[in-house]
Amino acid sequence: MNPPQPLRALAWGNVALHGAGLGLAWFALRPGSALSSLPERMAYLAGSPPGWAWGWGVWMLCALVLVAFMAVLCETLPEGSTLARLALLTTAAGMAVDLLCDVVQIQVLPLIAAAGPAETTLFLAAERLAFTGGATAANGLYTTGVLLMTLGLRERISPLARLAGWGTVAAGYAMALSGLLPSPELLAASTGPTIGFYSLWTVLVARDLGRGTSSA
């Protein structure tokens, strides 16, 4: 069965939004991240910079289009595809965690930072919750979803698409590890490859399913 027409649109929507998210992460989110010193990021966030809210808002949209892409993929597979269903459930669970962590980033951290140095301990606790929740829990679930969907599609997509899926999984689990260590440097190093491989995966999967590709 050929995939519904929205699949290609969602693939390119993933590419566009994740690309925008990477750009905003570098210019608007980096100053408020743990890559900056504690006084610097608290001072930055105390002003509730619009770029901080917009940046995390874009990542929230990324979560929505990721799950939408998985949902449409499920419609392309035969009824009863356990791997596809598990992939959708896993990514949906990741989205729930991710959206909550993004709300903490947008609303809670600037509020605590504005209270000043007296609330440093509370700021660090909320920051760690958002960091580990987003990088490890949410991204770990997303990565597992891509793994399961790639396995479920293995007979219907090209070797190149499968390779992009495995690349997403490898880099994505490195991101998940960064939240456990915790290591902002590992997160920064693994985010680009994860998003790059994932974006390529969505486009190749949409292309292959549109062509009716079936390769072992």
Protein backbone atom coordinates (compact mmCIF):
# COMPACT_ATOMS: atom_id res chain seq x y z
CA MET A 1 0.00 0.00 0.00
CA ASN A 2 1.36 3.44 -0.89
CA PRO A 3 1.68 5.85 2.04
CA PRO A 4 -0.82 8.68 2.45
CA GLN A 5 0.18 11.91 0.76
CA PRO A 6 0.89 13.67 4.10
CA LEU A 7 3.90 11.41 4.68
CA ARG A 8 6.20 13.39 2.38
CA ALA A 9 4.94 16.68 3.78
CA LEU A 10 5.56 15.48 7.32
CA ALA A 11 9.04 14.26 6.38
CA TRP A 12 10.01 17.68 5.06
CA GLY A 13 8.23 19.33 7.98
CA ASN A 14 10.48 17.33 10.29
CA VAL A 15 13.53 18.47 8.34
CA ALA A 16 12.52 22.14 8.42
CA LEU A 17 11.50 22.28 12.08
CA HIS A 18 14.46 20.27 13.36
CA GLY A 19 16.80 22.44 11.29
CA ALA A 20 15.23 25.56 12.80
CA GLY A 21 15.53 23.99 16.24
CA LEU A 22 19.25 23.43 15.76
CA GLY A 23 19.76 27.03 14.68
CA LEU A 24 17.84 28.40 17.65
CA ALA A 25 19.66 26.02 19.98
CA TRP A 26 22.99 27.53 18.95
CA PHE A 27 22.01 31.19 19.02
CA ALA A 28 19.16 31.45 21.56
CA LEU A 29 19.35 28.41 23.85
CA ARG A 30 23.10 27.99 24.27
CA PRO A 31 23.55 31.11 26.50
CA GLY A 32 21.02 29.69 28.98
CA SER A 33 22.35 26.14 28.87
CA ALA A 34 24.88 24.39 31.10
CA LEU A 35 27.52 25.11 28.45
CA SER A 36 27.63 28.60 29.98
CA SER A 37 28.71 29.32 33.54
CA LEU A 38 26.01 29.30 36.22
CA PRO A 39 26.06 33.09 36.81
CA GLU A 40 25.95 33.74 33.05
CA ARG A 41 23.00 31.49 32.34
CA MET A 42 21.02 32.67 35.37
CA ALA A 43 21.57 36.28 34.33
CA TYR A 44 20.50 35.45 30.78
CA LEU A 45 17.35 33.63 31.84
CA ALA A 46 16.40 36.20 34.47
CA GLY A 47 15.48 38.55 31.64
CA SER A 48 13.07 35.97 30.12
CA PRO A 49 14.62 36.36 26.64
CA PRO A 50 12.08 35.80 23.84
CA GLY A 51 14.56 33.64 21.92
CA TRP A 52 14.61 31.17 24.82
CA ALA A 53 10.84 30.70 24.71
CA TRP A 54 10.73 30.61 20.90
CA GLY A 55 13.59 28.12 20.76
CA TRP A 56 11.93 25.65 23.09
CA GLY A 57 8.61 26.29 21.38
CA VAL A 58 10.11 25.11 18.10
CA TRP A 59 11.37 21.96 19.79
CA MET A 60 7.85 21.35 21.07
CA LEU A 61 6.62 21.51 17.48
CA CYS A 62 9.40 19.07 16.52
CA ALA A 63 7.98 16.59 19.03
CA LEU A 64 4.51 16.93 17.51
CA VAL A 65 5.62 16.39 13.91
CA LEU A 66 7.81 13.45 14.92
CA VAL A 67 4.83 11.65 16.46
CA ALA A 68 2.61 12.63 13.51
CA PHE A 69 5.16 11.11 11.12
CA MET A 70 5.20 7.89 13.13
CA ALA A 71 1.40 7.79 13.19
CA VAL A 72 1.18 8.08 9.41
CA LEU A 73 3.88 5.42 9.02
CA CYS A 74 1.73 3.07 11.09
CA GLU A 75 -1.05 3.53 8.54
CA THR A 76 1.24 2.29 5.76
CA LEU A 77 1.98 -1.04 7.44
CA PRO A 78 -0.24 -4.13 7.55
CA GLU A 79 -2.76 -4.43 10.36
CA GLY A 80 -1.26 -5.92 13.48
CA SER A 81 2.28 -4.63 12.95
CA THR A 82 3.46 -4.89 16.55
CA LEU A 83 6.75 -3.08 15.98
CA ALA A 84 5.04 -0.11 14.34
CA ARG A 85 2.50 0.17 17.14
CA LEU A 86 5.22 -0.02 19.77
CA ALA A 87 7.20 2.63 17.88
CA LEU A 88 4.21 4.97 17.89
CA LEU A 89 3.46 4.37 21.58
CA THR A 90 7.11 4.88 22.49
CA THR A 91 7.46 8.15 20.60
CA ALA A 92 4.13 9.40 21.98
CA ALA A 93 5.40 8.69 25.50
CA GLY A 94 8.61 10.54 24.63
CA MET A 95 6.58 13.51 23.43
CA ALA A 96 4.65 13.66 26.74
CA VAL A 97 7.90 13.77 28.72
CA ASP A 98 9.51 16.19 26.29
CA LEU A 99 6.66 18.70 26.35
CA LEU A 100 6.68 18.73 30.14
CA CYS A 101 10.46 19.33 30.22
CA ASP A 102 10.12 22.10 27.64
CA VAL A 103 7.50 23.82 29.80
CA VAL A 104 9.98 23.70 32.69
CA GLN A 105 12.59 25.28 30.43
CA ILE A 106 10.25 28.03 29.21
CA GLN A 107 8.36 28.89 32.38
CA VAL A 108 10.12 27.57 35.47
CA LEU A 109 13.83 28.24 34.90
CA PRO A 110 13.45 31.95 34.01
CA LEU A 111 11.17 32.41 37.02
CA ILE A 112 13.70 30.88 39.41
CA ALA A 113 16.61 32.72 37.77
CA ALA A 114 14.80 36.03 38.25
CA ALA A 115 14.71 35.36 42.01
CA GLY A 116 18.48 35.73 42.09
CA PRO A 117 21.42 33.82 43.64
CA ALA A 118 19.40 32.90 46.73
CA GLU A 119 17.55 30.34 44.61
CA THR A 120 20.63 28.80 42.99
CA THR A 121 20.01 25.34 44.47
CA LEU A 122 16.41 25.32 43.27
CA PHE A 123 17.53 26.52 39.84
CA LEU A 124 20.09 23.72 39.55
CA ALA A 125 17.53 21.11 40.61
CA ALA A 126 14.96 22.29 38.05
CA GLU A 127 17.64 22.56 35.38
CA ARG A 128 18.83 18.99 36.03
CA LEU A 129 15.24 17.72 35.89
CA ALA A 130 14.65 19.37 32.52
CA PHE A 131 18.05 18.34 31.17
CA THR A 132 17.89 14.68 32.13
CA GLY A 133 14.18 14.38 31.42
CA GLY A 134 14.60 15.81 27.93
CA ALA A 135 17.93 14.29 26.93
CA THR A 136 17.57 10.86 28.54
CA ALA A 137 13.91 10.04 29.06
CA ALA A 138 12.29 11.81 26.11
CA ASN A 139 15.11 11.39 23.61
CA GLY A 140 15.71 7.82 24.72
CA LEU A 141 12.06 7.02 23.97
CA TYR A 142 12.23 8.81 20.59
CA THR A 143 15.37 6.87 19.70
CA THR A 144 13.78 3.58 20.67
CA GLY A 145 10.77 4.51 18.53
CA VAL A 146 13.00 5.07 15.49
CA LEU A 147 14.74 1.75 16.19
CA LEU A 148 11.45 -0.13 16.35
CA MET A 149 10.02 1.56 13.26
CA THR A 150 13.20 0.90 11.26
CA LEU A 151 12.96 -2.77 12.21
CA GLY A 152 9.28 -2.82 11.29
CA LEU A 153 9.99 -1.26 7.89
CA ARG A 154 13.15 -3.23 7.13
CA GLU A 155 11.59 -5.16 4.24
CA ARG A 156 10.06 -2.06 2.67
CA ILE A 157 12.84 0.53 2.77
CA SER A 158 16.22 0.78 1.10
CA PRO A 159 19.56 -0.07 2.74
CA LEU A 160 20.37 3.66 2.77
CA ALA A 161 17.20 4.41 4.73
CA ARG A 162 18.01 1.63 7.17
CA LEU A 163 21.53 3.01 7.56
CA ALA A 164 20.10 6.45 8.34
CA GLY A 165 17.88 4.78 10.94
CA TRP A 166 20.83 3.03 12.59
CA GLY A 167 22.77 6.30 12.57
CA THR A 168 19.86 8.00 14.31
CA VAL A 169 19.78 5.25 16.92
CA ALA A 170 23.52 5.36 17.64
CA ALA A 171 23.67 9.14 17.96
CA GLY A 172 20.34 9.28 19.77
CA TYR A 173 21.46 6.91 22.49
CA ALA A 174 24.61 9.01 22.91
CA MET A 175 22.27 11.95 23.57
CA ALA A 176 20.38 9.84 26.10
CA LEU A 177 23.66 8.99 27.83
CA SER A 178 24.54 12.69 28.05
CA GLY A 179 21.59 13.28 30.34
CA LEU A 180 22.63 10.50 32.72
CA LEU A 181 26.26 11.56 33.10
CA PRO A 182 25.29 14.51 32.90
CA SER A 183 27.41 15.98 30.10
CA PRO A 184 26.28 19.13 28.25
CA GLU A 185 29.33 18.69 25.99
CA LEU A 186 28.22 15.20 24.90
CA LEU A 187 24.71 16.51 24.33
CA ALA A 188 26.03 19.31 22.12
CA ALA A 189 28.28 16.90 20.19
CA SER A 190 25.57 14.28 19.59
CA THR A 191 22.57 16.51 18.85
CA GLY A 192 23.67 17.51 15.34
CA PRO A 193 24.34 13.94 14.14
CA THR A 194 21.09 12.71 15.70
CA ILE A 195 18.99 15.38 14.01
CA GLY A 196 20.89 14.99 10.74
CA PHE A 197 20.44 11.22 10.57
CA TYR A 198 16.83 11.45 11.71
CA SER A 199 15.97 14.07 9.10
CA LEU A 200 17.59 11.96 6.39
CA TRP A 201 15.72 8.90 7.66
CA THR A 202 12.32 10.60 7.40
CA VAL A 203 12.96 11.77 3.83
CA LEU A 204 14.34 8.42 2.66
CA VAL A 205 11.56 6.43 4.30
CA ALA A 206 8.90 8.65 2.71
CA ARG A 207 10.62 8.32 -0.67
CA ASP A 208 11.00 4.55 -0.46
CA LEU A 209 7.42 3.95 0.62
CA GLY A 210 6.21 6.26 -2.12
CA ARG A 211 8.10 4.21 -4.68
CA GLY A 212 6.99 0.93 -3.20
CA THR A 213 10.60 -0.01 -2.45
CA SER A 214 11.05 -3.48 -1.06
CA SER A 215 14.61 -4.51 -0.33
CA ALA A 216 16.02 -7.00 2.09
